[in-house]
N, C-alpha and C. Protein backbone atom coordinates (compact mmCIF):
# COMPACT_ATOMS: atom_id res chain seq x y z
N UNK A 1 197.94 -113.77 102.27
CA UNK A 1 197.97 -112.31 102.29
C UNK A 1 196.61 -111.74 102.65
N UNK A 2 195.66 -112.57 103.00
CA UNK A 2 194.38 -112.09 103.47
C UNK A 2 194.60 -111.22 104.71
N UNK A 3 193.88 -110.14 104.84
CA UNK A 3 194.04 -109.27 106.00
C UNK A 3 195.16 -108.27 105.79
N UNK A 4 196.05 -108.16 106.76
CA UNK A 4 197.06 -107.11 106.74
C UNK A 4 198.01 -107.24 105.55
N UNK A 5 198.29 -108.45 105.10
CA UNK A 5 199.19 -108.63 103.97
C UNK A 5 198.64 -108.02 102.70
N UNK A 6 197.36 -108.23 102.43
CA UNK A 6 196.75 -107.66 101.24
C UNK A 6 196.65 -106.13 101.37
N UNK A 7 196.36 -105.67 102.58
CA UNK A 7 196.33 -104.23 102.80
C UNK A 7 197.70 -103.61 102.54
N UNK A 8 198.74 -104.29 102.97
CA UNK A 8 200.10 -103.79 102.75
C UNK A 8 200.43 -103.76 101.26
N UNK A 9 200.05 -104.81 100.54
CA UNK A 9 200.32 -104.87 99.10
C UNK A 9 199.63 -103.71 98.38
N UNK A 10 198.43 -103.36 98.83
CA UNK A 10 197.68 -102.30 98.18
C UNK A 10 197.96 -100.92 98.73
N UNK A 11 198.82 -100.82 99.73
CA UNK A 11 199.11 -99.53 100.36
C UNK A 11 199.91 -98.65 99.41
N UNK A 12 199.53 -97.39 99.31
CA UNK A 12 200.23 -96.48 98.42
C UNK A 12 201.67 -96.24 98.82
N UNK A 13 202.01 -96.59 100.07
CA UNK A 13 203.39 -96.40 100.52
C UNK A 13 204.33 -97.51 100.08
N UNK A 14 203.81 -98.59 99.48
CA UNK A 14 204.69 -99.60 98.91
C UNK A 14 205.52 -98.92 97.82
N UNK A 15 206.83 -99.07 97.83
CA UNK A 15 207.67 -98.34 96.87
C UNK A 15 207.58 -98.91 95.46
N UNK A 16 206.38 -98.84 94.90
CA UNK A 16 206.16 -99.39 93.56
C UNK A 16 205.86 -98.29 92.54
N UNK A 17 206.04 -97.05 92.94
CA UNK A 17 205.88 -95.96 91.99
C UNK A 17 204.53 -95.28 92.03
N UNK A 18 203.58 -95.78 92.84
CA UNK A 18 202.26 -95.19 92.86
C UNK A 18 202.25 -93.73 93.25
N UNK A 19 203.21 -93.33 94.07
CA UNK A 19 203.26 -91.94 94.54
C UNK A 19 203.65 -90.97 93.44
N UNK A 20 204.16 -91.46 92.31
CA UNK A 20 204.51 -90.56 91.21
C UNK A 20 203.56 -90.70 90.03
N UNK A 21 202.44 -91.40 90.22
CA UNK A 21 201.44 -91.56 89.17
C UNK A 21 200.10 -91.01 89.67
N UNK A 22 199.44 -90.21 88.84
CA UNK A 22 198.18 -89.59 89.26
C UNK A 22 196.96 -90.25 88.64
N UNK A 23 197.17 -91.29 87.84
CA UNK A 23 196.03 -91.96 87.22
C UNK A 23 195.24 -91.06 86.28
N UNK A 24 195.91 -90.10 85.68
CA UNK A 24 195.26 -89.21 84.73
C UNK A 24 194.73 -87.92 85.34
N UNK A 25 194.77 -87.81 86.67
CA UNK A 25 194.21 -86.63 87.33
C UNK A 25 195.00 -85.37 87.01
N UNK A 26 196.32 -85.48 86.94
CA UNK A 26 197.08 -84.27 86.62
C UNK A 26 196.74 -83.75 85.24
N UNK A 27 196.63 -84.66 84.27
CA UNK A 27 196.27 -84.24 82.92
C UNK A 27 194.87 -83.64 82.89
N UNK A 28 193.94 -84.25 83.64
CA UNK A 28 192.58 -83.73 83.69
C UNK A 28 192.55 -82.35 84.36
N UNK A 29 193.37 -82.18 85.38
CA UNK A 29 193.47 -80.88 86.06
C UNK A 29 194.02 -79.82 85.11
N UNK A 30 195.06 -80.16 84.37
CA UNK A 30 195.64 -79.22 83.41
C UNK A 30 194.65 -78.87 82.31
N UNK A 31 193.79 -79.84 81.96
CA UNK A 31 192.78 -79.59 80.93
C UNK A 31 191.57 -78.82 81.46
N UNK A 32 191.51 -78.63 82.77
CA UNK A 32 190.42 -77.88 83.37
C UNK A 32 189.18 -78.68 83.69
N UNK A 33 189.26 -80.01 83.59
CA UNK A 33 188.07 -80.83 83.84
C UNK A 33 187.99 -81.34 85.28
N UNK A 34 189.07 -81.24 86.04
CA UNK A 34 189.04 -81.55 87.47
C UNK A 34 189.49 -80.30 88.22
N UNK A 35 188.56 -79.70 88.93
CA UNK A 35 188.85 -78.42 89.60
C UNK A 35 188.44 -78.41 91.07
N UNK A 36 187.58 -79.35 91.47
CA UNK A 36 187.08 -79.38 92.85
C UNK A 36 186.69 -80.80 93.22
N UNK A 37 186.12 -80.97 94.40
CA UNK A 37 185.78 -82.32 94.88
C UNK A 37 184.71 -82.95 93.99
N UNK A 38 183.74 -82.17 93.56
CA UNK A 38 182.65 -82.72 92.74
C UNK A 38 183.17 -83.23 91.40
N UNK A 39 184.02 -82.44 90.74
CA UNK A 39 184.55 -82.88 89.45
C UNK A 39 185.56 -84.01 89.63
N UNK A 40 186.27 -84.02 90.75
CA UNK A 40 187.16 -85.15 91.04
C UNK A 40 186.34 -86.43 91.19
N UNK A 41 185.22 -86.34 91.87
CA UNK A 41 184.37 -87.51 92.04
C UNK A 41 183.92 -88.06 90.68
N UNK A 42 183.50 -87.19 89.80
CA UNK A 42 183.07 -87.62 88.47
C UNK A 42 184.20 -88.33 87.73
N UNK A 43 185.41 -87.77 87.87
CA UNK A 43 186.58 -88.38 87.23
C UNK A 43 186.86 -89.77 87.80
N UNK A 44 186.80 -89.88 89.12
CA UNK A 44 187.09 -91.17 89.76
C UNK A 44 186.05 -92.22 89.42
N UNK A 45 184.78 -91.82 89.39
CA UNK A 45 183.72 -92.78 89.05
C UNK A 45 183.91 -93.29 87.63
N UNK A 46 184.22 -92.38 86.71
CA UNK A 46 184.45 -92.79 85.34
C UNK A 46 185.65 -93.71 85.22
N UNK A 47 186.71 -93.40 85.95
CA UNK A 47 187.91 -94.23 85.92
C UNK A 47 187.63 -95.61 86.51
N UNK A 48 186.88 -95.65 87.59
CA UNK A 48 186.55 -96.91 88.25
C UNK A 48 185.81 -97.85 87.32
N UNK A 49 184.83 -97.32 86.58
CA UNK A 49 183.99 -98.17 85.73
C UNK A 49 184.64 -98.54 84.41
N UNK A 50 185.80 -98.00 84.11
CA UNK A 50 186.49 -98.32 82.86
C UNK A 50 187.85 -98.95 83.15
N UNK A 51 188.86 -98.13 83.31
CA UNK A 51 190.20 -98.66 83.57
C UNK A 51 190.26 -99.45 84.87
N UNK A 52 189.55 -98.98 85.89
CA UNK A 52 189.54 -99.69 87.17
C UNK A 52 188.93 -101.08 87.05
N UNK A 53 187.84 -101.17 86.31
CA UNK A 53 187.17 -102.47 86.13
C UNK A 53 188.06 -103.43 85.35
N UNK A 54 188.71 -102.93 84.31
CA UNK A 54 189.60 -103.78 83.52
C UNK A 54 190.76 -104.28 84.38
N UNK A 55 191.38 -103.38 85.14
CA UNK A 55 192.50 -103.77 85.99
C UNK A 55 192.08 -104.78 87.05
N UNK A 56 190.89 -104.58 87.62
CA UNK A 56 190.38 -105.52 88.63
C UNK A 56 190.19 -106.91 88.04
N UNK A 57 189.67 -106.97 86.83
CA UNK A 57 189.45 -108.27 86.18
C UNK A 57 190.78 -108.97 85.89
N UNK A 58 191.77 -108.22 85.45
CA UNK A 58 193.08 -108.82 85.18
C UNK A 58 193.76 -109.28 86.46
N UNK A 59 193.59 -108.51 87.53
CA UNK A 59 194.17 -108.93 88.81
C UNK A 59 193.54 -110.23 89.28
N UNK A 60 192.21 -110.35 89.14
CA UNK A 60 191.52 -111.57 89.54
C UNK A 60 191.96 -112.76 88.70
N UNK A 61 192.10 -112.53 87.39
CA UNK A 61 192.54 -113.61 86.50
C UNK A 61 193.96 -114.05 86.87
N UNK A 62 194.84 -113.11 87.14
CA UNK A 62 196.21 -113.44 87.53
C UNK A 62 196.22 -114.24 88.83
N UNK A 63 195.31 -113.91 89.74
CA UNK A 63 195.25 -114.61 91.03
C UNK A 63 194.83 -116.07 90.86
N UNK A 64 194.16 -116.39 89.77
CA UNK A 64 193.71 -117.77 89.51
C UNK A 64 194.76 -118.60 88.78
N UNK A 65 195.76 -117.95 88.24
CA UNK A 65 196.74 -118.65 87.41
C UNK A 65 197.85 -119.29 88.25
N UNK A 66 198.59 -120.18 87.63
CA UNK A 66 199.70 -120.87 88.28
C UNK A 66 201.00 -120.44 87.61
N UNK A 67 202.13 -120.74 88.22
CA UNK A 67 203.40 -120.36 87.60
C UNK A 67 203.58 -120.88 86.17
N UNK A 68 202.94 -121.99 85.85
CA UNK A 68 203.09 -122.57 84.51
C UNK A 68 202.05 -122.05 83.52
N UNK A 69 201.19 -121.15 83.93
CA UNK A 69 200.17 -120.59 83.04
C UNK A 69 200.81 -119.72 81.97
N UNK A 70 200.00 -119.34 80.99
CA UNK A 70 200.49 -118.52 79.88
C UNK A 70 200.45 -117.04 80.27
N UNK A 71 201.46 -116.60 80.99
CA UNK A 71 201.52 -115.22 81.44
C UNK A 71 201.77 -114.26 80.29
N UNK A 72 202.47 -114.70 79.29
CA UNK A 72 202.74 -113.84 78.13
C UNK A 72 201.44 -113.47 77.43
N UNK A 73 200.54 -114.45 77.32
CA UNK A 73 199.25 -114.18 76.68
C UNK A 73 198.44 -113.18 77.51
N UNK A 74 198.43 -113.35 78.82
CA UNK A 74 197.69 -112.41 79.68
C UNK A 74 198.26 -111.00 79.53
N UNK A 75 199.57 -110.91 79.46
CA UNK A 75 200.23 -109.62 79.25
C UNK A 75 199.79 -108.99 77.93
N UNK A 76 199.74 -109.79 76.89
CA UNK A 76 199.32 -109.29 75.58
C UNK A 76 197.86 -108.84 75.60
N UNK A 77 197.03 -109.56 76.34
CA UNK A 77 195.61 -109.19 76.45
C UNK A 77 195.47 -107.82 77.12
N UNK A 78 196.30 -107.56 78.13
CA UNK A 78 196.23 -106.25 78.79
C UNK A 78 196.73 -105.16 77.84
N UNK A 79 197.80 -105.43 77.13
CA UNK A 79 198.29 -104.48 76.12
C UNK A 79 197.18 -104.11 75.14
N UNK A 80 196.44 -105.12 74.70
CA UNK A 80 195.40 -104.90 73.70
C UNK A 80 194.27 -104.03 74.23
N UNK A 81 194.09 -104.01 75.54
CA UNK A 81 193.02 -103.21 76.15
C UNK A 81 193.52 -101.86 76.65
N UNK A 82 194.78 -101.54 76.34
CA UNK A 82 195.36 -100.28 76.79
C UNK A 82 195.92 -99.55 75.58
N UNK A 83 195.08 -98.80 74.87
CA UNK A 83 195.51 -98.17 73.62
C UNK A 83 196.64 -97.17 73.79
N UNK A 84 196.70 -96.49 74.93
CA UNK A 84 197.70 -95.46 75.15
C UNK A 84 199.05 -96.06 75.50
N UNK A 85 200.06 -95.74 74.70
CA UNK A 85 201.42 -96.22 74.99
C UNK A 85 201.91 -95.67 76.32
N UNK A 86 201.52 -94.45 76.65
CA UNK A 86 201.93 -93.85 77.92
C UNK A 86 201.34 -94.61 79.10
N UNK A 87 200.08 -95.04 78.97
CA UNK A 87 199.46 -95.80 80.05
C UNK A 87 200.07 -97.19 80.17
N UNK A 88 200.40 -97.80 79.04
CA UNK A 88 201.06 -99.10 79.09
C UNK A 88 202.41 -98.99 79.81
N UNK A 89 203.16 -97.94 79.48
CA UNK A 89 204.47 -97.76 80.11
C UNK A 89 204.32 -97.51 81.61
N UNK A 90 203.33 -96.72 82.00
CA UNK A 90 203.10 -96.45 83.43
C UNK A 90 202.73 -97.72 84.18
N UNK A 91 201.89 -98.55 83.56
CA UNK A 91 201.47 -99.80 84.19
C UNK A 91 202.67 -100.72 84.39
N UNK A 92 203.52 -100.81 83.39
CA UNK A 92 204.70 -101.68 83.51
C UNK A 92 205.69 -101.13 84.53
N UNK A 93 205.80 -99.82 84.60
CA UNK A 93 206.70 -99.22 85.59
C UNK A 93 206.25 -99.58 87.00
N UNK A 94 204.94 -99.51 87.25
CA UNK A 94 204.43 -99.84 88.57
C UNK A 94 204.48 -101.34 88.85
N UNK A 95 204.28 -102.16 87.82
CA UNK A 95 204.40 -103.60 87.99
C UNK A 95 205.82 -104.00 88.34
N UNK A 96 206.79 -103.38 87.66
CA UNK A 96 208.20 -103.64 87.95
C UNK A 96 208.53 -103.22 89.39
N UNK A 97 207.92 -102.11 89.81
CA UNK A 97 208.14 -101.65 91.18
C UNK A 97 207.64 -102.64 92.21
N UNK A 98 206.48 -103.23 91.95
CA UNK A 98 205.96 -104.25 92.86
C UNK A 98 206.91 -105.43 92.97
N UNK A 99 207.44 -105.85 91.83
CA UNK A 99 208.36 -107.00 91.85
C UNK A 99 209.64 -106.66 92.61
N UNK A 100 210.07 -105.43 92.52
CA UNK A 100 211.26 -105.02 93.29
C UNK A 100 210.96 -105.04 94.79
N UNK A 101 209.74 -104.61 95.15
CA UNK A 101 209.37 -104.60 96.57
C UNK A 101 209.22 -106.01 97.12
N UNK A 102 208.83 -106.96 96.24
CA UNK A 102 208.66 -108.36 96.65
C UNK A 102 209.64 -109.21 95.84
N UNK A 103 210.89 -108.87 95.93
CA UNK A 103 211.93 -109.47 95.10
C UNK A 103 211.94 -110.99 95.20
N UNK A 104 211.94 -111.64 94.03
CA UNK A 104 212.04 -113.09 93.96
C UNK A 104 210.75 -113.84 94.20
N UNK A 105 209.65 -113.12 94.46
CA UNK A 105 208.41 -113.80 94.83
C UNK A 105 207.70 -114.43 93.64
N UNK A 106 207.81 -113.83 92.47
CA UNK A 106 207.06 -114.34 91.31
C UNK A 106 207.90 -114.22 90.04
N UNK A 107 208.95 -115.03 89.90
CA UNK A 107 209.85 -114.91 88.74
C UNK A 107 209.16 -115.19 87.41
N UNK A 108 208.03 -115.92 87.43
CA UNK A 108 207.33 -116.26 86.20
C UNK A 108 206.70 -115.03 85.54
N UNK A 109 206.63 -113.91 86.25
CA UNK A 109 206.02 -112.71 85.69
C UNK A 109 206.96 -111.97 84.75
N UNK A 110 208.23 -112.33 84.74
CA UNK A 110 209.18 -111.60 83.91
C UNK A 110 209.65 -110.33 84.60
N UNK A 111 210.30 -109.47 83.84
CA UNK A 111 210.91 -108.28 84.44
C UNK A 111 209.98 -107.07 84.49
N UNK A 112 209.00 -107.00 83.57
CA UNK A 112 208.17 -105.80 83.48
C UNK A 112 206.70 -106.14 83.29
N UNK A 113 206.08 -106.79 84.25
CA UNK A 113 204.67 -107.12 84.11
C UNK A 113 203.79 -105.88 84.30
N UNK A 114 202.60 -105.94 83.79
CA UNK A 114 201.64 -104.87 84.06
C UNK A 114 201.24 -104.91 85.53
N UNK A 115 200.96 -103.74 86.09
CA UNK A 115 200.70 -103.63 87.52
C UNK A 115 199.58 -104.54 88.02
N UNK A 116 198.39 -104.57 87.38
CA UNK A 116 197.34 -105.44 87.92
C UNK A 116 197.67 -106.92 87.86
N UNK A 117 198.46 -107.33 86.87
CA UNK A 117 198.86 -108.74 86.77
C UNK A 117 199.82 -109.09 87.90
N UNK A 118 200.77 -108.19 88.15
CA UNK A 118 201.69 -108.42 89.27
C UNK A 118 200.95 -108.41 90.59
N UNK A 119 200.02 -107.49 90.75
CA UNK A 119 199.26 -107.37 91.99
C UNK A 119 198.45 -108.64 92.26
N UNK A 120 197.76 -109.13 91.23
CA UNK A 120 196.94 -110.33 91.40
C UNK A 120 197.77 -111.56 91.73
N UNK A 121 198.90 -111.70 91.07
CA UNK A 121 199.76 -112.85 91.32
C UNK A 121 200.34 -112.81 92.72
N UNK A 122 200.83 -111.65 93.13
CA UNK A 122 201.43 -111.52 94.46
C UNK A 122 200.36 -111.68 95.54
N UNK A 123 199.18 -111.16 95.29
CA UNK A 123 198.10 -111.33 96.26
C UNK A 123 197.74 -112.78 96.46
N UNK A 124 197.66 -113.53 95.36
CA UNK A 124 197.32 -114.95 95.46
C UNK A 124 198.40 -115.73 96.19
N UNK A 125 199.66 -115.35 95.99
CA UNK A 125 200.74 -116.03 96.70
C UNK A 125 200.58 -115.92 98.21
N UNK A 126 200.00 -114.81 98.65
CA UNK A 126 199.78 -114.61 100.07
C UNK A 126 198.47 -115.15 100.58
N UNK A 127 197.68 -115.79 99.72
CA UNK A 127 196.43 -116.40 100.15
C UNK A 127 195.17 -115.61 99.87
N UNK A 128 195.29 -114.46 99.21
CA UNK A 128 194.10 -113.68 98.88
C UNK A 128 193.32 -114.35 97.76
N UNK A 129 192.02 -114.20 97.78
CA UNK A 129 191.18 -114.77 96.73
C UNK A 129 191.14 -113.83 95.53
N UNK A 130 190.73 -114.33 94.36
CA UNK A 130 190.58 -113.45 93.20
C UNK A 130 189.64 -112.28 93.48
N UNK A 131 188.56 -112.55 94.22
CA UNK A 131 187.62 -111.48 94.54
C UNK A 131 188.28 -110.40 95.41
N UNK A 132 189.10 -110.83 96.35
CA UNK A 132 189.77 -109.87 97.23
C UNK A 132 190.76 -109.00 96.48
N UNK A 133 191.54 -109.60 95.59
CA UNK A 133 192.50 -108.78 94.85
C UNK A 133 191.78 -107.88 93.86
N UNK A 134 190.63 -108.32 93.33
CA UNK A 134 189.87 -107.48 92.40
C UNK A 134 189.33 -106.25 93.11
N UNK A 135 188.77 -106.44 94.30
CA UNK A 135 188.24 -105.30 95.06
C UNK A 135 189.38 -104.35 95.45
N UNK A 136 190.51 -104.90 95.89
CA UNK A 136 191.65 -104.07 96.26
C UNK A 136 192.17 -103.27 95.06
N UNK A 137 192.17 -103.89 93.89
CA UNK A 137 192.61 -103.19 92.68
C UNK A 137 191.63 -102.10 92.30
N UNK A 138 190.34 -102.40 92.40
CA UNK A 138 189.32 -101.39 92.10
C UNK A 138 189.45 -100.21 93.06
N UNK A 139 189.71 -100.50 94.33
CA UNK A 139 189.87 -99.43 95.30
C UNK A 139 191.08 -98.55 94.96
N UNK A 140 192.19 -99.17 94.60
CA UNK A 140 193.39 -98.41 94.25
C UNK A 140 193.17 -97.52 93.04
N UNK A 141 192.24 -97.91 92.17
CA UNK A 141 191.99 -97.11 90.97
C UNK A 141 191.35 -95.77 91.30
N UNK A 142 190.81 -95.63 92.51
CA UNK A 142 190.26 -94.33 92.91
C UNK A 142 191.09 -93.67 94.01
N UNK A 143 191.68 -94.46 94.90
CA UNK A 143 192.42 -93.84 96.01
C UNK A 143 193.72 -93.19 95.55
N UNK A 144 194.42 -93.82 94.62
CA UNK A 144 195.69 -93.24 94.15
C UNK A 144 195.45 -91.91 93.44
N UNK A 145 194.49 -91.83 92.50
CA UNK A 145 194.23 -90.53 91.88
C UNK A 145 193.70 -89.49 92.87
N UNK A 146 192.92 -89.93 93.85
CA UNK A 146 192.41 -89.00 94.86
C UNK A 146 193.57 -88.41 95.66
N UNK A 147 194.55 -89.24 96.00
CA UNK A 147 195.72 -88.77 96.72
C UNK A 147 196.50 -87.76 95.89
N UNK A 148 196.63 -88.03 94.61
CA UNK A 148 197.33 -87.10 93.72
C UNK A 148 196.60 -85.77 93.64
N UNK A 149 195.27 -85.83 93.61
CA UNK A 149 194.48 -84.60 93.52
C UNK A 149 194.68 -83.71 94.73
N UNK A 150 194.87 -84.32 95.89
CA UNK A 150 195.12 -83.52 97.09
C UNK A 150 196.37 -82.66 96.93
N UNK A 151 197.39 -83.23 96.31
CA UNK A 151 198.63 -82.49 96.14
C UNK A 151 198.54 -81.47 95.01
N UNK A 152 197.75 -81.79 93.99
CA UNK A 152 197.65 -80.91 92.84
C UNK A 152 196.73 -79.71 93.08
N UNK A 153 195.60 -79.97 93.73
CA UNK A 153 194.57 -78.94 93.85
C UNK A 153 194.46 -78.33 95.24
N UNK A 154 195.24 -78.86 96.19
CA UNK A 154 195.16 -78.39 97.57
C UNK A 154 193.72 -78.42 98.08
N UNK A 155 193.04 -79.55 97.81
CA UNK A 155 191.67 -79.71 98.26
C UNK A 155 191.61 -80.03 99.74
N UNK A 156 190.45 -79.86 100.34
CA UNK A 156 190.24 -80.23 101.73
C UNK A 156 190.37 -81.75 101.86
N UNK A 157 191.37 -82.27 102.56
CA UNK A 157 191.56 -83.73 102.64
C UNK A 157 190.38 -84.45 103.28
N UNK A 158 189.70 -83.78 104.21
CA UNK A 158 188.55 -84.42 104.84
C UNK A 158 187.40 -84.55 103.86
N UNK A 159 187.21 -83.55 103.02
CA UNK A 159 186.16 -83.61 102.01
C UNK A 159 186.45 -84.68 100.97
N UNK A 160 187.72 -84.79 100.58
CA UNK A 160 188.09 -85.82 99.60
C UNK A 160 187.92 -87.21 100.20
N UNK A 161 188.33 -87.37 101.44
CA UNK A 161 188.18 -88.69 102.08
C UNK A 161 186.70 -89.06 102.22
N UNK A 162 185.86 -88.11 102.60
CA UNK A 162 184.42 -88.40 102.69
C UNK A 162 183.87 -88.82 101.34
N UNK A 163 184.32 -88.14 100.29
CA UNK A 163 183.85 -88.47 98.95
C UNK A 163 184.27 -89.88 98.56
N UNK A 164 185.54 -90.22 98.82
CA UNK A 164 186.02 -91.57 98.48
C UNK A 164 185.31 -92.62 99.33
N UNK A 165 185.12 -92.33 100.60
CA UNK A 165 184.40 -93.27 101.47
C UNK A 165 182.99 -93.52 100.96
N UNK A 166 182.39 -92.50 100.38
CA UNK A 166 181.06 -92.67 99.82
C UNK A 166 181.01 -93.54 98.58
N UNK A 167 182.18 -93.82 98.01
CA UNK A 167 182.25 -94.67 96.81
C UNK A 167 182.53 -96.13 97.13
N UNK A 168 182.71 -96.47 98.41
CA UNK A 168 183.18 -97.82 98.73
C UNK A 168 182.22 -98.91 98.29
N UNK A 169 180.92 -98.69 98.42
CA UNK A 169 179.97 -99.72 97.99
C UNK A 169 180.04 -99.92 96.48
N UNK A 170 180.26 -98.83 95.75
CA UNK A 170 180.41 -98.93 94.30
C UNK A 170 181.70 -99.65 93.95
N UNK A 171 182.76 -99.34 94.67
CA UNK A 171 184.04 -100.02 94.46
C UNK A 171 183.90 -101.52 94.68
N UNK A 172 183.24 -101.90 95.77
CA UNK A 172 183.02 -103.32 96.05
C UNK A 172 182.26 -103.99 94.92
N UNK A 173 181.20 -103.33 94.46
CA UNK A 173 180.36 -103.89 93.40
C UNK A 173 181.15 -104.07 92.11
N UNK A 174 181.91 -103.04 91.73
CA UNK A 174 182.70 -103.12 90.50
C UNK A 174 183.76 -104.22 90.62
N UNK A 175 184.44 -104.27 91.76
CA UNK A 175 185.49 -105.27 91.94
C UNK A 175 184.96 -106.69 91.90
N UNK A 176 183.86 -106.94 92.60
CA UNK A 176 183.30 -108.29 92.64
C UNK A 176 182.76 -108.70 91.28
N UNK A 177 182.14 -107.76 90.59
CA UNK A 177 181.63 -108.08 89.25
C UNK A 177 182.77 -108.36 88.29
N UNK A 178 183.84 -107.57 88.40
CA UNK A 178 184.99 -107.76 87.51
C UNK A 178 185.66 -109.10 87.74
N UNK A 179 185.62 -109.58 88.98
CA UNK A 179 186.27 -110.86 89.31
C UNK A 179 185.60 -112.04 88.62
N UNK A 180 184.37 -111.85 88.18
CA UNK A 180 183.64 -112.96 87.55
C UNK A 180 183.25 -112.65 86.10
N UNK A 181 183.85 -111.59 85.54
CA UNK A 181 183.41 -111.14 84.22
C UNK A 181 184.36 -111.49 83.10
N UNK A 182 185.31 -112.38 83.33
CA UNK A 182 186.28 -112.67 82.29
C UNK A 182 187.23 -111.49 82.15
N UNK A 183 187.56 -111.13 80.93
CA UNK A 183 188.45 -110.01 80.68
C UNK A 183 187.70 -108.95 79.86
N UNK A 184 187.12 -107.96 80.54
CA UNK A 184 186.35 -106.93 79.84
C UNK A 184 187.26 -106.02 79.04
N UNK A 185 186.65 -105.24 78.17
CA UNK A 185 187.42 -104.30 77.34
C UNK A 185 186.77 -102.92 77.39
N UNK A 186 186.44 -102.48 78.59
CA UNK A 186 185.83 -101.16 78.75
C UNK A 186 186.80 -100.08 78.30
N UNK A 187 186.29 -99.14 77.54
CA UNK A 187 187.14 -98.10 76.98
C UNK A 187 186.98 -96.78 77.73
N UNK A 188 188.06 -96.04 77.81
CA UNK A 188 188.05 -94.69 78.39
C UNK A 188 188.87 -93.80 77.46
N UNK A 189 188.31 -93.44 76.29
CA UNK A 189 189.08 -92.69 75.29
C UNK A 189 189.69 -91.39 75.84
N UNK A 190 188.93 -90.69 76.70
CA UNK A 190 189.46 -89.43 77.22
C UNK A 190 190.70 -89.66 78.07
N UNK A 191 190.69 -90.73 78.88
CA UNK A 191 191.87 -91.05 79.68
C UNK A 191 193.07 -91.35 78.78
N UNK A 192 192.83 -92.04 77.67
CA UNK A 192 193.91 -92.34 76.74
C UNK A 192 194.48 -91.06 76.12
N UNK A 193 193.58 -90.17 75.70
CA UNK A 193 194.01 -88.91 75.08
C UNK A 193 194.78 -88.06 76.08
N UNK A 194 194.25 -87.97 77.31
CA UNK A 194 194.92 -87.18 78.33
C UNK A 194 196.29 -87.77 78.68
N UNK A 195 196.38 -89.10 78.71
CA UNK A 195 197.66 -89.74 79.04
C UNK A 195 198.72 -89.42 78.00
N UNK A 196 198.33 -89.44 76.73
CA UNK A 196 199.29 -89.12 75.68
C UNK A 196 199.70 -87.65 75.72
N UNK A 197 198.73 -86.77 75.98
CA UNK A 197 199.04 -85.35 76.09
C UNK A 197 199.96 -85.08 77.28
N UNK A 198 199.69 -85.75 78.37
CA UNK A 198 200.50 -85.57 79.58
C UNK A 198 201.93 -86.03 79.34
N UNK A 199 202.07 -87.12 78.62
CA UNK A 199 203.40 -87.68 78.35
C UNK A 199 204.26 -86.69 77.58
N UNK A 200 203.63 -85.86 76.74
CA UNK A 200 204.37 -84.93 75.90
C UNK A 200 204.47 -83.53 76.49
N UNK A 201 203.78 -83.30 77.60
CA UNK A 201 203.77 -81.97 78.21
C UNK A 201 205.07 -81.72 78.97
N UNK A 202 205.27 -80.47 79.34
CA UNK A 202 206.44 -80.10 80.11
C UNK A 202 206.04 -79.68 81.51
N UNK A 203 206.92 -79.91 82.47
CA UNK A 203 206.68 -79.47 83.83
C UNK A 203 205.69 -80.29 84.62
N UNK A 204 205.53 -81.56 84.26
CA UNK A 204 204.59 -82.41 85.00
C UNK A 204 205.08 -82.67 86.42
N UNK A 205 204.14 -82.77 87.32
CA UNK A 205 204.47 -83.16 88.69
C UNK A 205 204.45 -84.68 88.86
N UNK A 206 203.68 -85.37 88.00
CA UNK A 206 203.55 -86.82 88.06
C UNK A 206 203.97 -87.42 86.72
N UNK A 207 204.44 -88.67 86.77
CA UNK A 207 204.83 -89.35 85.54
C UNK A 207 203.62 -89.60 84.66
N UNK A 208 202.50 -89.96 85.26
CA UNK A 208 201.30 -90.23 84.47
C UNK A 208 200.08 -89.69 85.19
């Protein structure tokens, strides 16, 4: 999956539910903390260094595992690092979506794996390295919320794209470091609080 295959797996157009998840941006927008490109950038950088780094590390670990590995334990480890029940549910929803898009490719993952675990396993099946899936996961942790922000705030898409492009070296650094860092437990309490509030709110445009 090196090259176009990995790009396809990480593409937001894969019908895995990414288009209905904002990565916390909608909740942050409703709370008034994301209002423009500058505040969106701050949100994305914070997400990248916390939830994004954790997801990248889990994707890399999954890419190193074999079908006979202890996938249940890896799943439990991700649960333990995701305090928000709403975020856990969103992750499993997107992981299940990936398995539907790549039906039958990784039966050892079960029916509802977490998204980064499914992503890492599927990436490895296509020949991607742990480092490659980690960087791709780190990138998705900022591009998906940025895409959601465009729809929520009607921001200038060129300005948002320039801002995200300016983060690519940071994304690479976080992804590569996460691929060799074991399983970190970086916390993002505000993201957890916003996720739970969003889950209970009415009139949401995004599931999470």
